[in-house]
Amino acid sequence: MRKYLHLMASAVVLFSGSLMAQEFQEGQHFQKIGSPVATPDDKVVVTDGFAYPCGACRRFLPYVGSWAENTPDYVEVEHLPIALQPGWDLFVRAYYTAQVMGIAEETHEAMFKAVHDERRQFRSFEDIADFYAEHGVEAESFLNTAQSFAVDARIRQNRNDVRTFGIRGTPAVIVQGKWRVSPNGFSSYDEMLAAVDYLVQREAEALGLGQDAETPESDEAASSEQAEEASS
């Protein structure tokens, strides 16, 4: 009976996958990027395009954060700060400075909360440095690192990526450097992330990732098991 239930569950999964394929359509729920960015062939890279001053990004944060915590090992989640409005470039430089200093991940949510929940004003990069000084680094060191070659190089790459991905609004999610997903066309962030899941699964299958370690039963063995169940 257990193997029979396993077969039924497999059928449900396949059926659900078929529904997902019909539900999420290119051009409506996700867009193909004109010049895809090369990615490793042993993982699926998901890029979270955000902006700290963006209210929608603040609302999206708990959703994408929870989603990222439950992804398979072959999924790599990256953050891509976006500067779509005047003044937002300060936050792009801030993120990459924090990244170079090794504190980007641990301060990511805190910066969102400072901007939106605490209504903290960041009128200069010195104000931003003071914020990061509250999280374990010296303000002067942060300011010096912000002007380093390493940070400048990441900002140049960032501008190229944003242009290549065709990002016109935030939040935006890029899957494997090929597909762009935005909130447009979805009724909720959960639905948007379901579309991301669909694309991740599709890319993983193309790379042969996430396959069961066990060898699947042959059709003959499965038929024999079903016959035994039917006669019991």
C-alpha atoms as a PDB file:
ATOM      1  CA  MET A   1       0.000   0.000   0.000  1.00  0.00           C
ATOM      2  CA  ARG A   2       2.824   2.398   0.858  1.00  0.00           C
ATOM      3  CA  LYS A   3       4.337   2.067  -2.636  1.00  0.00           C
ATOM      4  CA  TYR A   4       0.904   2.513  -4.173  1.00  0.00           C
ATOM      5  CA  LEU A   5       0.453   5.757  -2.247  1.00  0.00           C
ATOM      6  CA  HIS A   6       3.914   6.819  -3.395  1.00  0.00           C
ATOM      7  CA  LEU A   7       2.863   6.263  -6.999  1.00  0.00           C
ATOM      8  CA  MET A   8      -0.314   8.247  -6.460  1.00  0.00           C
ATOM      9  CA  ALA A   9       1.653  11.087  -4.844  1.00  0.00           C
ATOM     10  CA  SER A  10       4.021  11.123  -7.804  1.00  0.00           C
ATOM     11  CA  ALA A  11       1.071  11.409 -10.148  1.00  0.00           C
ATOM     12  CA  VAL A  12      -0.279  14.335  -8.124  1.00  0.00           C
ATOM     13  CA  VAL A  13       3.103  16.083  -8.315  1.00  0.00           C
ATOM     14  CA  LEU A  14       3.249  15.614 -12.077  1.00  0.00           C
ATOM     15  CA  PHE A  15      -0.316  16.837 -12.423  1.00  0.00           C
ATOM     16  CA  SER A  16       0.449  19.884 -10.258  1.00  0.00           C
ATOM     17  CA  GLY A  17       3.501  20.609 -12.383  1.00  0.00           C
ATOM     18  CA  SER A  18       1.301  20.497 -15.462  1.00  0.00           C
ATOM     19  CA  LEU A  19      -1.100  22.980 -13.870  1.00  0.00           C
ATOM     20  CA  MET A  20       1.765  25.285 -12.953  1.00  0.00           C
ATOM     21  CA  ALA A  21       3.055  25.168 -16.510  1.00  0.00           C
ATOM     22  CA  GLN A  22      -0.382  26.283 -17.699  1.00  0.00           C
ATOM     23  CA  GLU A  23      -0.831  28.874 -14.956  1.00  0.00           C
ATOM     24  CA  PHE A  24       2.475  30.712 -15.371  1.00  0.00           C
ATOM     25  CA  GLN A  25       3.077  31.958 -18.866  1.00  0.00           C
ATOM     26  CA  GLU A  26       6.016  33.797 -20.417  1.00  0.00           C
ATOM     27  CA  GLY A  27       5.089  37.352 -21.274  1.00  0.00           C
ATOM     28  CA  GLN A  28       2.357  37.456 -18.658  1.00  0.00           C
ATOM     29  CA  HIS A  29       3.957  36.271 -15.423  1.00  0.00           C
ATOM     30  CA  PHE A  30       7.632  36.401 -16.329  1.00  0.00           C
ATOM     31  CA  GLN A  31       9.747  37.972 -19.045  1.00  0.00           C
ATOM     32  CA  LYS A  32      12.678  36.518 -20.943  1.00  0.00           C
ATOM     33  CA  ILE A  33      15.839  38.597 -20.703  1.00  0.00           C
ATOM     34  CA  GLY A  34      17.190  39.549 -24.115  1.00  0.00           C
ATOM     35  CA  SER A  35      20.853  38.868 -23.348  1.00  0.00           C
ATOM     36  CA  PRO A  36      20.975  36.233 -20.593  1.00  0.00           C
ATOM     37  CA  VAL A  37      23.806  36.423 -18.076  1.00  0.00           C
ATOM     38  CA  ALA A  38      26.039  33.358 -17.792  1.00  0.00           C
ATOM     39  CA  THR A  39      25.541  31.374 -14.576  1.00  0.00           C
ATOM     40  CA  PRO A  40      27.189  28.249 -13.083  1.00  0.00           C
ATOM     41  CA  ASP A  41      25.911  24.905 -14.340  1.00  0.00           C
ATOM     42  CA  ASP A  42      25.800  23.362 -10.860  1.00  0.00           C
ATOM     43  CA  LYS A  43      23.278  25.742  -9.297  1.00  0.00           C
ATOM     44  CA  VAL A  44      20.263  27.913 -10.001  1.00  0.00           C
ATOM     45  CA  VAL A  45      20.971  31.559  -9.214  1.00  0.00           C
ATOM     46  CA  VAL A  46      18.068  33.693  -8.006  1.00  0.00           C
ATOM     47  CA  THR A  47      18.718  37.435  -7.848  1.00  0.00           C
ATOM     48  CA  ASP A  48      16.601  39.604  -5.566  1.00  0.00           C
ATOM     49  CA  GLY A  49      16.442  43.104  -7.046  1.00  0.00           C
ATOM     50  CA  PHE A  50      15.596  45.608  -4.305  1.00  0.00           C
ATOM     51  CA  ALA A  51      15.995  49.191  -3.115  1.00  0.00           C
ATOM     52  CA  TYR A  52      16.138  50.134   0.544  1.00  0.00           C
ATOM     53  CA  PRO A  53      13.917  53.241   0.067  1.00  0.00           C
ATOM     54  CA  CYS A  54      11.308  51.169  -1.823  1.00  0.00           C
ATOM     55  CA  GLY A  55       8.163  50.595   0.248  1.00  0.00           C
ATOM     56  CA  ALA A  56       7.094  47.595  -1.829  1.00  0.00           C
ATOM     57  CA  CYS A  57      10.512  46.032  -1.235  1.00  0.00           C
ATOM     58  CA  ARG A  58      10.027  46.431   2.514  1.00  0.00           C
ATOM     59  CA  ARG A  59       6.705  44.599   2.252  1.00  0.00           C
ATOM     60  CA  PHE A  60       8.267  41.925   0.029  1.00  0.00           C
ATOM     61  CA  LEU A  61      11.187  41.353   2.427  1.00  0.00           C
ATOM     62  CA  PRO A  62       9.558  38.831   4.816  1.00  0.00           C
ATOM     63  CA  TYR A  63       8.144  36.875   1.901  1.00  0.00           C
ATOM     64  CA  VAL A  64      11.371  36.551  -0.060  1.00  0.00           C
ATOM     65  CA  GLY A  65      13.319  36.013   3.169  1.00  0.00           C
ATOM     66  CA  SER A  66      11.156  33.073   4.206  1.00  0.00           C
ATOM     67  CA  TRP A  67      11.243  31.712   0.662  1.00  0.00           C
ATOM     68  CA  ALA A  68      15.050  31.888   0.532  1.00  0.00           C
ATOM     69  CA  GLU A  69      15.382  29.980   3.805  1.00  0.00           C
ATOM     70  CA  ASN A  70      13.501  27.032   2.321  1.00  0.00           C
ATOM     71  CA  THR A  71      15.181  26.685  -1.060  1.00  0.00           C
ATOM     72  CA  PRO A  72      17.069  23.518  -2.084  1.00  0.00           C
ATOM     73  CA  ASP A  73      20.846  23.420  -1.674  1.00  0.00           C
ATOM     74  CA  TYR A  74      21.364  23.971  -5.393  1.00  0.00           C
ATOM     75  CA  VAL A  75      19.658  27.383  -5.267  1.00  0.00           C
ATOM     76  CA  GLU A  76      21.865  30.415  -4.622  1.00  0.00           C
ATOM     77  CA  VAL A  77      20.107  33.637  -3.662  1.00  0.00           C
ATOM     78  CA  GLU A  78      21.858  36.930  -4.358  1.00  0.00           C
ATOM     79  CA  HIS A  79      20.856  40.533  -3.647  1.00  0.00           C
ATOM     80  CA  LEU A  80      21.007  43.261  -6.268  1.00  0.00           C
ATOM     81  CA  PRO A  81      20.485  46.829  -4.988  1.00  0.00           C
ATOM     82  CA  ILE A  82      18.745  49.070  -7.510  1.00  0.00           C
ATOM     83  CA  ALA A  83      18.946  52.863  -7.891  1.00  0.00           C
ATOM     84  CA  LEU A  84      15.881  53.904  -9.870  1.00  0.00           C
ATOM     85  CA  GLN A  85      15.418  57.334  -8.319  1.00  0.00           C
ATOM     86  CA  PRO A  86      17.707  60.249  -7.412  1.00  0.00           C
ATOM     87  CA  GLY A  87      19.495  59.649  -4.128  1.00  0.00           C
ATOM     88  CA  TRP A  88      19.068  55.890  -4.160  1.00  0.00           C
ATOM     89  CA  ASP A  89      22.625  55.427  -5.403  1.00  0.00           C
ATOM     90  CA  LEU A  90      23.773  56.139  -1.828  1.00  0.00           C
ATOM     91  CA  PHE A  91      22.107  52.908  -0.742  1.00  0.00           C
ATOM     92  CA  VAL A  92      23.660  50.939  -3.590  1.00  0.00           C
ATOM     93  CA  ARG A  93      27.113  52.063  -2.482  1.00  0.00           C
ATOM     94  CA  ALA A  94      26.151  51.362   1.126  1.00  0.00           C
ATOM     95  CA  TYR A  95      25.136  47.783   0.319  1.00  0.00           C
ATOM     96  CA  TYR A  96      28.344  46.975  -1.554  1.00  0.00           C
ATOM     97  CA  THR A  97      30.458  48.637   1.128  1.00  0.00           C
ATOM     98  CA  ALA A  98      28.749  46.440   3.712  1.00  0.00           C
ATOM     99  CA  GLN A  99      29.289  43.443   1.447  1.00  0.00           C
ATOM    100  CA  VAL A 100      33.023  44.123   1.129  1.00  0.00           C
ATOM    101  CA  MET A 101      33.208  44.492   4.909  1.00  0.00           C
ATOM    102  CA  GLY A 102      31.315  41.232   5.424  1.00  0.00           C
ATOM    103  CA  ILE A 103      28.213  42.645   7.110  1.00  0.00           C
ATOM    104  CA  ALA A 104      25.734  42.944   4.234  1.00  0.00           C
ATOM    105  CA  GLU A 105      23.587  39.952   5.145  1.00  0.00           C
ATOM    106  CA  GLU A 106      23.372  40.654   8.861  1.00  0.00           C
ATOM    107  CA  THR A 107      22.409  44.302   8.306  1.00  0.00           C
ATOM    108  CA  HIS A 108      20.075  43.823   5.332  1.00  0.00           C
ATOM    109  CA  GLU A 109      16.809  43.656   7.271  1.00  0.00           C
ATOM    110  CA  ALA A 110      18.007  46.257   9.785  1.00  0.00           C
ATOM    111  CA  MET A 111      18.500  48.841   7.043  1.00  0.00           C
ATOM    112  CA  PHE A 112      14.994  48.233   5.700  1.00  0.00           C
ATOM    113  CA  LYS A 113      13.588  48.675   9.203  1.00  0.00           C
ATOM    114  CA  ALA A 114      15.624  51.832   9.785  1.00  0.00           C
ATOM    115  CA  VAL A 115      14.271  53.434   6.606  1.00  0.00           C
ATOM    116  CA  HIS A 116      10.633  52.343   6.806  1.00  0.00           C
ATOM    117  CA  ASP A 117       9.778  51.303  10.360  1.00  0.00           C
ATOM    118  CA  GLU A 118      11.901  53.828  12.253  1.00  0.00           C
ATOM    119  CA  ARG A 119      11.560  56.551   9.585  1.00  0.00           C
ATOM    120  CA  ARG A 120      15.245  57.275   9.953  1.00  0.00           C
ATOM    121  CA  GLN A 121      16.582  59.973   7.644  1.00  0.00           C
ATOM    122  CA  PHE A 122      19.703  59.257   5.579  1.00  0.00           C
ATOM    123  CA  ARG A 123      20.570  62.554   3.940  1.00  0.00           C
ATOM    124  CA  SER A 124      24.259  61.854   3.431  1.00  0.00           C
ATOM    125  CA  PHE A 125      26.647  58.943   3.247  1.00  0.00           C
ATOM    126  CA  GLU A 126      27.915  59.997   6.680  1.00  0.00           C
ATOM    127  CA  ASP A 127      24.428  59.272   8.033  1.00  0.00           C
ATOM    128  CA  ILE A 128      24.606  55.834   6.448  1.00  0.00           C
ATOM    129  CA  ALA A 129      28.061  55.228   7.931  1.00  0.00           C
ATOM    130  CA  ASP A 130      26.675  56.089  11.376  1.00  0.00           C
ATOM    131  CA  PHE A 131      23.990  53.434  10.899  1.00  0.00           C
ATOM    132  CA  TYR A 132      26.531  50.743  10.059  1.00  0.00           C
ATOM    133  CA  ALA A 133      28.684  51.880  12.993  1.00  0.00           C
ATOM    134  CA  GLU A 134      25.811  50.695  15.184  1.00  0.00           C
ATOM    135  CA  HIS A 135      26.313  47.230  13.707  1.00  0.00           C
ATOM    136  CA  GLY A 136      29.946  46.566  14.503  1.00  0.00           C
ATOM    137  CA  VAL A 137      32.120  48.630  12.152  1.00  0.00           C
ATOM    138  CA  GLU A 138      33.779  52.000  12.613  1.00  0.00           C
ATOM    139  CA  ALA A 139      32.158  54.835  10.693  1.00  0.00           C
ATOM    140  CA  GLU A 140      35.513  56.067   9.398  1.00  0.00           C
ATOM    141  CA  SER A 141      36.441  52.598   8.176  1.00  0.00           C
ATOM    142  CA  PHE A 142      33.067  52.324   6.434  1.00  0.00           C
ATOM    143  CA  LEU A 143      33.581  55.680   4.710  1.00  0.00           C
ATOM    144  CA  ASN A 144      37.061  54.724   3.543  1.00  0.00           C
ATOM    145  CA  THR A 145      35.909  51.335   2.252  1.00  0.00           C
ATOM    146  CA  ALA A 146      33.066  53.024   0.365  1.00  0.00           C
ATOM    147  CA  GLN A 147      35.651  54.786  -1.809  1.00  0.00           C
ATOM    148  CA  SER A 148      37.693  51.651  -2.482  1.00  0.00           C
ATOM    149  CA  PHE A 149      38.339  50.042  -5.858  1.00  0.00           C
ATOM    150  CA  ALA A 150      36.483  46.907  -4.718  1.00  0.00           C
ATOM    151  CA  VAL A 151      33.273  48.827  -4.084  1.00  0.00           C
ATOM    152  CA  ASP A 152      33.582  50.891  -7.273  1.00  0.00           C
ATOM    153  CA  ALA A 153      34.035  47.688  -9.300  1.00  0.00           C
ATOM    154  CA  ARG A 154      30.887  46.157  -7.816  1.00  0.00           C
ATOM    155  CA  ILE A 155      28.902  49.287  -8.550  1.00  0.00           C
ATOM    156  CA  ARG A 156      30.018  49.229 -12.184  1.00  0.00           C
ATOM    157  CA  GLN A 157      28.972  45.573 -12.424  1.00  0.00           C
ATOM    158  CA  ASN A 158      25.694  46.427 -10.720  1.00  0.00           C
ATOM    159  CA  ARG A 159      24.843  49.068 -13.323  1.00  0.00           C
ATOM    160  CA  ASN A 160      25.620  46.644 -16.107  1.00  0.00           C
ATOM    161  CA  ASP A 161      23.464  43.915 -14.529  1.00  0.00           C
ATOM    162  CA  VAL A 162      20.506  46.230 -13.944  1.00  0.00           C
ATOM    163  CA  ARG A 163      20.675  47.362 -17.570  1.00  0.00           C
ATOM    164  CA  THR A 164      21.046  43.798 -18.885  1.00  0.00           C
ATOM    165  CA  PHE A 165      18.180  42.485 -16.766  1.00  0.00           C
ATOM    166  CA  GLY A 166      15.927  45.313 -17.939  1.00  0.00           C
ATOM    167  CA  ILE A 167      14.787  46.134 -14.419  1.00  0.00           C
ATOM    168  CA  ARG A 168      12.390  49.090 -14.426  1.00  0.00           C
ATOM    169  CA  GLY A 169      10.875  48.668 -10.973  1.00  0.00           C
ATOM    170  CA  THR A 170      11.355  46.981  -7.631  1.00  0.00           C
ATOM    171  CA  PRO A 171      11.028  44.425  -6.242  1.00  0.00           C
ATOM    172  CA  ALA A 172      12.156  42.243  -9.120  1.00  0.00           C
ATOM    173  CA  VAL A 173      13.455  38.683  -9.154  1.00  0.00           C
ATOM    174  CA  ILE A 174      15.821  37.313 -11.783  1.00  0.00           C
ATOM    175  CA  VAL A 175      16.086  33.542 -12.233  1.00  0.00           C
ATOM    176  CA  GLN A 176      19.280  32.076 -13.679  1.00  0.00           C
ATOM    177  CA  GLY A 177      20.084  35.327 -15.467  1.00  0.00           C
ATOM    178  CA  LYS A 178      17.343  34.458 -17.980  1.00  0.00           C
ATOM    179  CA  TRP A 179      13.963  35.333 -16.530  1.00  0.00           C
ATOM    180  CA  ARG A 180      12.599  38.468 -14.869  1.00  0.00           C
ATOM    181  CA  VAL A 181       9.653  38.277 -12.475  1.00  0.00           C
ATOM    182  CA  SER A 182       7.930  41.375 -11.081  1.00  0.00           C
ATOM    183  CA  PRO A 183       4.761  41.859  -8.995  1.00  0.00           C
ATOM    184  CA  ASN A 184       2.819  42.888 -12.111  1.00  0.00           C
ATOM    185  CA  GLY A 185       0.240  40.282 -13.021  1.00  0.00           C
ATOM    186  CA  PHE A 186       0.075  38.717  -9.555  1.00  0.00           C
ATOM    187  CA  SER A 187      -2.463  39.144  -6.778  1.00  0.00           C
ATOM    188  CA  SER A 188       0.057  38.498  -3.988  1.00  0.00           C
ATOM    189  CA  TYR A 189       3.759  38.101  -3.276  1.00  0.00           C
ATOM    190  CA  ASP A 190       3.140  34.424  -2.534  1.00  0.00           C
ATOM    191  CA  GLU A 191       1.834  33.985  -6.062  1.00  0.00           C
ATOM    192  CA  MET A 192       4.828  35.878  -7.457  1.00  0.00           C
ATOM    193  CA  LEU A 193       7.215  33.572  -5.599  1.00  0.00           C
ATOM    194  CA  ALA A 194       5.273  30.549  -6.830  1.00  0.00           C
ATOM    195  CA  ALA A 195       6.167  31.695 -10.341  1.00  0.00           C
ATOM    196  CA  VAL A 196       9.796  31.993  -9.232  1.00  0.00           C
ATOM    197  CA  ASP A 197       9.569  28.433  -7.889  1.00  0.00           C
ATOM    198  CA  TYR A 198       8.246  27.279 -11.240  1.00  0.00           C
ATOM    199  CA  LEU A 199      11.190  28.839 -13.077  1.00  0.00           C
ATOM    200  CA  VAL A 200      13.692  27.491 -10.540  1.00  0.00           C
ATOM    201  CA  GLN A 201      12.297  23.993 -10.988  1.00  0.00           C
ATOM    202  CA  ARG A 202      12.422  24.316 -14.760  1.00  0.00           C
ATOM    203  CA  GLU A 203      16.047  25.488 -14.727  1.00  0.00           C
ATOM    204  CA  ALA A 204      17.022  22.806 -12.208  1.00  0.00           C
ATOM    205  CA  GLU A 205      15.538  20.086 -14.383  1.00  0.00           C
ATOM    206  CA  ALA A 206      17.433  21.415 -17.404  1.00  0.00           C
ATOM    207  CA  LEU A 207      20.682  21.154 -15.424  1.00  0.00           C
ATOM    208  CA  GLY A 208      19.840  17.772 -13.909  1.00  0.00           C
ATOM    209  CA  LEU A 209      19.808  19.193 -10.392  1.00  0.00           C
ATOM    210  CA  GLY A 210      17.729  17.938  -7.496  1.00  0.00           C
ATOM    211  CA  GLN A 211      17.234  14.459  -8.915  1.00  0.00           C
ATOM    212  CA  ASP A 212      16.410  11.688  -6.440  1.00  0.00           C
ATOM    213  CA  ALA A 213      19.466   9.789  -5.363  1.00  0.00           C
ATOM    214  CA  GLU A 214      17.583   6.490  -5.470  1.00  0.00           C
ATOM    215  CA  THR A 215      17.124   4.695  -8.776  1.00  0.00           C
ATOM    216  CA  PRO A 216      13.447   4.798  -9.726  1.00  0.00           C
ATOM    217  CA  GLU A 217      11.493   1.575  -9.941  1.00  0.00           C
ATOM    218  CA  SER A 218      11.111   0.065 -13.374  1.00  0.00           C
ATOM    219  CA  ASP A 219       7.711   0.112 -15.031  1.00  0.00           C
ATOM    220  CA  GLU A 220       7.568  -3.663 -14.644  1.00  0.00           C
ATOM    221  CA  ALA A 221       8.147  -3.489 -10.894  1.00  0.00           C
ATOM    222  CA  ALA A 222       5.558  -0.748 -10.516  1.00  0.00           C
ATOM    223  CA  SER A 223       2.999  -2.721 -12.519  1.00  0.00           C
ATOM    224  CA  SER A 224       3.677  -5.802 -10.402  1.00  0.00           C
ATOM    225  CA  GLU A 225       3.147  -3.828  -7.205  1.00  0.00           C
ATOM    226  CA  GLN A 226      -0.147  -2.414  -8.466  1.00  0.00           C
ATOM    227  CA  ALA A 227      -1.296  -5.884  -9.454  1.00  0.00           C
ATOM    228  CA  GLU A 228      -0.540  -7.167  -5.957  1.00  0.00           C
ATOM    229  CA  GLU A 229      -2.511  -4.297  -4.442  1.00  0.00           C
ATOM    230  CA  ALA A 230      -5.483  -4.968  -6.711  1.00  0.00           C
ATOM    231  CA  SER A 231      -5.600  -8.657  -5.734  1.00  0.00           C
ATOM    232  CA  SER A 232      -5.281  -8.007  -1.967  1.00  0.00           C
END
